[in-house]
PDB file of N, CA and C in Angstrom:
ATOM      1  N   MET A   1     261.859 159.709 -36.954  1.00  0.00           N
ATOM      2  CA  MET A   1     262.049 160.223 -35.617  1.00  0.00           C
ATOM      3  C   MET A   1     261.403 161.607 -35.552  1.00  0.00           C
ATOM      4  N   SER A   2     260.698 161.869 -34.487  1.00  0.00           N
ATOM      5  CA  SER A   2     260.051 163.166 -34.331  1.00  0.00           C
ATOM      6  C   SER A   2     261.069 164.225 -33.923  1.00  0.00           C
ATOM      7  N   ARG A   3     260.744 165.463 -34.190  1.00  0.00           N
ATOM      8  CA  ARG A   3     261.635 166.572 -33.841  1.00  0.00           C
ATOM      9  C   ARG A   3     261.544 166.889 -32.354  1.00  0.00           C
ATOM     10  N   VAL A   4     262.633 167.391 -31.818  1.00  0.00           N
ATOM     11  CA  VAL A   4     262.677 167.812 -30.424  1.00  0.00           C
ATOM     12  C   VAL A   4     262.541 169.324 -30.396  1.00  0.00           C
ATOM     13  N   LYS A   5     261.650 169.828 -29.573  1.00  0.00           N
ATOM     14  CA  LYS A   5     261.460 171.270 -29.460  1.00  0.00           C
ATOM     15  C   LYS A   5     262.600 171.898 -28.666  1.00  0.00           C
ATOM     16  N   ILE A   6     262.916 173.129 -29.004  1.00  0.00           N
ATOM     17  CA  ILE A   6     263.958 173.878 -28.303  1.00  0.00           C
ATOM     18  C   ILE A   6     263.544 174.084 -26.851  1.00  0.00           C
ATOM     19  N   ASP A   7     264.515 174.061 -25.962  1.00  0.00           N
ATOM     20  CA  ASP A   7     264.324 174.262 -24.512  1.00  0.00           C
ATOM     21  C   ASP A   7     263.540 173.141 -23.847  1.00  0.00           C
ATOM     22  N   THR A   8     263.623 171.931 -24.401  1.00  0.00           N
ATOM     23  CA  THR A   8     263.040 170.760 -23.747  1.00  0.00           C
ATOM     24  C   THR A   8     264.160 169.762 -23.494  1.00  0.00           C
ATOM     25  N   PRO A   9     264.024 168.923 -22.484  1.00  0.00           N
ATOM     26  CA  PRO A   9     265.071 167.930 -22.213  1.00  0.00           C
ATOM     27  C   PRO A   9     265.264 166.996 -23.405  1.00  0.00           C
ATOM     28  N   ALA A  10     266.495 166.582 -23.637  1.00  0.00           N
ATOM     29  CA  ALA A  10     266.790 165.639 -24.712  1.00  0.00           C
ATOM     30  C   ALA A  10     266.180 164.285 -24.374  1.00  0.00           C
ATOM     31  N   PRO A  11     265.692 163.570 -25.371  1.00  0.00           N
ATOM     32  CA  PRO A  11     265.169 162.225 -25.111  1.00  0.00           C
ATOM     33  C   PRO A  11     266.311 161.283 -24.732  1.00  0.00           C
ATOM     34  N   ASP A  12     266.017 160.322 -23.888  1.00  0.00           N
ATOM     35  CA  ASP A  12     267.042 159.371 -23.480  1.00  0.00           C
ATOM     36  C   ASP A  12     267.383 158.460 -24.655  1.00  0.00           C
ATOM     37  N   PHE A  13     268.645 158.117 -24.790  1.00  0.00           N
ATOM     38  CA  PHE A  13     269.094 157.172 -25.812  1.00  0.00           C
ATOM     39  C   PHE A  13     270.340 156.474 -25.307  1.00  0.00           C
ATOM     40  N   SER A  14     270.686 155.364 -25.931  1.00  0.00           N
ATOM     41  CA  SER A  14     271.860 154.583 -25.548  1.00  0.00           C
ATOM     42  C   SER A  14     272.740 154.350 -26.762  1.00  0.00           C
ATOM     43  N   LEU A  15     274.044 154.356 -26.534  1.00  0.00           N
ATOM     44  CA  LEU A  15     275.050 154.063 -27.545  1.00  0.00           C
ATOM     45  C   LEU A  15     276.171 153.284 -26.885  1.00  0.00           C
ATOM     46  N   GLU A  16     276.995 152.641 -27.699  1.00  0.00           N
ATOM     47  CA  GLU A  16     278.172 151.973 -27.158  1.00  0.00           C
ATOM     48  C   GLU A  16     279.350 152.933 -27.196  1.00  0.00           C
ATOM     49  N   ASP A  17     280.161 152.923 -26.131  1.00  0.00           N
ATOM     50  CA  ASP A  17     281.363 153.752 -26.130  1.00  0.00           C
ATOM     51  C   ASP A  17     282.470 153.030 -26.901  1.00  0.00           C
ATOM     52  N   PHE A  18     283.668 153.591 -26.942  1.00  0.00           N
ATOM     53  CA  PHE A  18     284.739 153.014 -27.742  1.00  0.00           C
ATOM     54  C   PHE A  18     285.227 151.681 -27.208  1.00  0.00           C
ATOM     55  N   ASN A  19     284.817 151.321 -25.977  1.00  0.00           N
ATOM     56  CA  ASN A  19     285.147 150.010 -25.415  1.00  0.00           C
ATOM     57  C   ASN A  19     284.014 149.005 -25.586  1.00  0.00           C
ATOM     58  N   GLY A  20     282.921 149.424 -26.232  1.00  0.00           N
ATOM     59  CA  GLY A  20     281.780 148.540 -26.436  1.00  0.00           C
ATOM     60  C   GLY A  20     280.821 148.482 -25.264  1.00  0.00           C
ATOM     61  N   VAL A  21     280.976 149.384 -24.292  1.00  0.00           N
ATOM     62  CA  VAL A  21     280.104 149.431 -23.121  1.00  0.00           C
ATOM     63  C   VAL A  21     278.910 150.327 -23.435  1.00  0.00           C
ATOM     64  N   LYS A  22     277.708 149.830 -23.161  1.00  0.00           N
ATOM     65  CA  LYS A  22     276.497 150.601 -23.424  1.00  0.00           C
ATOM     66  C   LYS A  22     276.367 151.755 -22.423  1.00  0.00           C
ATOM     67  N   VAL A  23     276.175 152.960 -22.944  1.00  0.00           N
ATOM     68  CA  VAL A  23     276.058 154.168 -22.125  1.00  0.00           C
ATOM     69  C   VAL A  23     274.784 154.885 -22.531  1.00  0.00           C
ATOM     70  N   SER A  24     273.995 155.307 -21.563  1.00  0.00           N
ATOM     71  CA  SER A  24     272.753 156.035 -21.825  1.00  0.00           C
ATOM     72  C   SER A  24     272.888 157.482 -21.393  1.00  0.00           C
ATOM     73  N   LEU A  25     272.170 158.347 -22.065  1.00  0.00           N
ATOM     74  CA  LEU A  25     272.169 159.755 -21.674  1.00  0.00           C
ATOM     75  C   LEU A  25     271.705 159.888 -20.225  1.00  0.00           C
ATOM     76  N   SER A  26     270.757 159.068 -19.814  1.00  0.00           N
ATOM     77  CA  SER A  26     270.247 159.147 -18.440  1.00  0.00           C
ATOM     78  C   SER A  26     271.315 158.799 -17.399  1.00  0.00           C
ATOM     79  N   ASP A  27     272.402 158.133 -17.802  1.00  0.00           N
ATOM     80  CA  ASP A  27     273.504 157.854 -16.875  1.00  0.00           C
ATOM     81  C   ASP A  27     274.153 159.137 -16.374  1.00  0.00           C
ATOM     82  N   PHE A  28     273.964 160.219 -17.118  1.00  0.00           N
ATOM     83  CA  PHE A  28     274.608 161.491 -16.784  1.00  0.00           C
ATOM     84  C   PHE A  28     273.632 162.511 -16.188  1.00  0.00           C
ATOM     85  N   ARG A  29     272.426 162.056 -15.871  1.00  0.00           N
ATOM     86  CA  ARG A  29     271.433 162.946 -15.262  1.00  0.00           C
ATOM     87  C   ARG A  29     272.001 163.552 -13.980  1.00  0.00           C
ATOM     88  N   ASP A  30     271.734 164.806 -13.758  1.00  0.00           N
ATOM     89  CA  ASP A  30     272.191 165.566 -12.591  1.00  0.00           C
ATOM     90  C   ASP A  30     273.689 165.875 -12.605  1.00  0.00           C
ATOM     91  N   LYS A  31     274.368 165.615 -13.712  1.00  0.00           N
ATOM     92  CA  LYS A  31     275.755 166.038 -13.859  1.00  0.00           C
ATOM     93  C   LYS A  31     275.738 167.470 -14.377  1.00  0.00           C
ATOM     94  N   LYS A  32     276.729 168.241 -14.002  1.00  0.00           N
ATOM     95  CA  LYS A  32     276.732 169.644 -14.394  1.00  0.00           C
ATOM     96  C   LYS A  32     277.032 169.818 -15.879  1.00  0.00           C
ATOM     97  N   HIS A  33     277.982 169.053 -16.425  1.00  0.00           N
ATOM     98  CA  HIS A  33     278.369 169.194 -17.828  1.00  0.00           C
ATOM     99  C   HIS A  33     278.478 167.822 -18.468  1.00  0.00           C
ATOM    100  N   VAL A  34     278.004 167.725 -19.690  1.00  0.00           N
ATOM    101  CA  VAL A  34     278.149 166.511 -20.481  1.00  0.00           C
ATOM    102  C   VAL A  34     278.613 166.926 -21.864  1.00  0.00           C
ATOM    103  N   ILE A  35     279.694 166.326 -22.341  1.00  0.00           N
ATOM    104  CA  ILE A  35     280.195 166.595 -23.691  1.00  0.00           C
ATOM    105  C   ILE A  35     280.025 165.324 -24.502  1.00  0.00           C
ATOM    106  N   MET A  36     279.361 165.457 -25.626  1.00  0.00           N
ATOM    107  CA  MET A  36     279.151 164.308 -26.511  1.00  0.00           C
ATOM    108  C   MET A  36     279.880 164.562 -27.821  1.00  0.00           C
ATOM    109  N   VAL A  37     280.578 163.551 -28.285  1.00  0.00           N
ATOM    110  CA  VAL A  37     281.241 163.612 -29.585  1.00  0.00           C
ATOM    111  C   VAL A  37     280.713 162.444 -30.402  1.00  0.00           C
ATOM    112  N   LEU A  38     280.071 162.745 -31.515  1.00  0.00           N
ATOM    113  CA  LEU A  38     279.517 161.718 -32.387  1.00  0.00           C
ATOM    114  C   LEU A  38     280.309 161.710 -33.685  1.00  0.00           C
ATOM    115  N   ASN A  39     280.851 160.569 -34.033  1.00  0.00           N
ATOM    116  CA  ASN A  39     281.627 160.432 -35.259  1.00  0.00           C
ATOM    117  C   ASN A  39     280.772 159.707 -36.279  1.00  0.00           C
ATOM    118  N   ARG A  40     280.460 160.370 -37.366  1.00  0.00           N
ATOM    119  CA  ARG A  40     279.641 159.761 -38.417  1.00  0.00           C
ATOM    120  C   ARG A  40     280.491 158.966 -39.395  1.00  0.00           C
ATOM    121  N   GLY A  41     281.768 158.887 -39.168  1.00  0.00           N
ATOM    122  CA  GLY A  41     282.646 158.121 -40.047  1.00  0.00           C
ATOM    123  C   GLY A  41     283.243 158.989 -41.130  1.00  0.00           C
ATOM    124  N   PHE A  42     284.063 158.383 -41.909  1.00  0.00           N
ATOM    125  CA  PHE A  42     284.733 159.103 -42.989  1.00  0.00           C
ATOM    126  C   PHE A  42     284.192 158.614 -44.315  1.00  0.00           C
ATOM    127  N   SER A  43     284.112 159.534 -45.275  1.00  0.00           N
ATOM    128  CA  SER A  43     283.603 159.136 -46.587  1.00  0.00           C
ATOM    129  C   SER A  43     284.717 158.991 -47.590  1.00  0.00           C
TER     130      SER A  43
END
């Protein structure tokens, strides 16, 4: 994956939420605040 430069928009991506529903970053375009929590699991 290529690096993202500082002060540029984040690339669009999709993930499943905790209910298994696919959600894309672009779904939140034009929203004032977006909080993302990514859990990498436990070791």
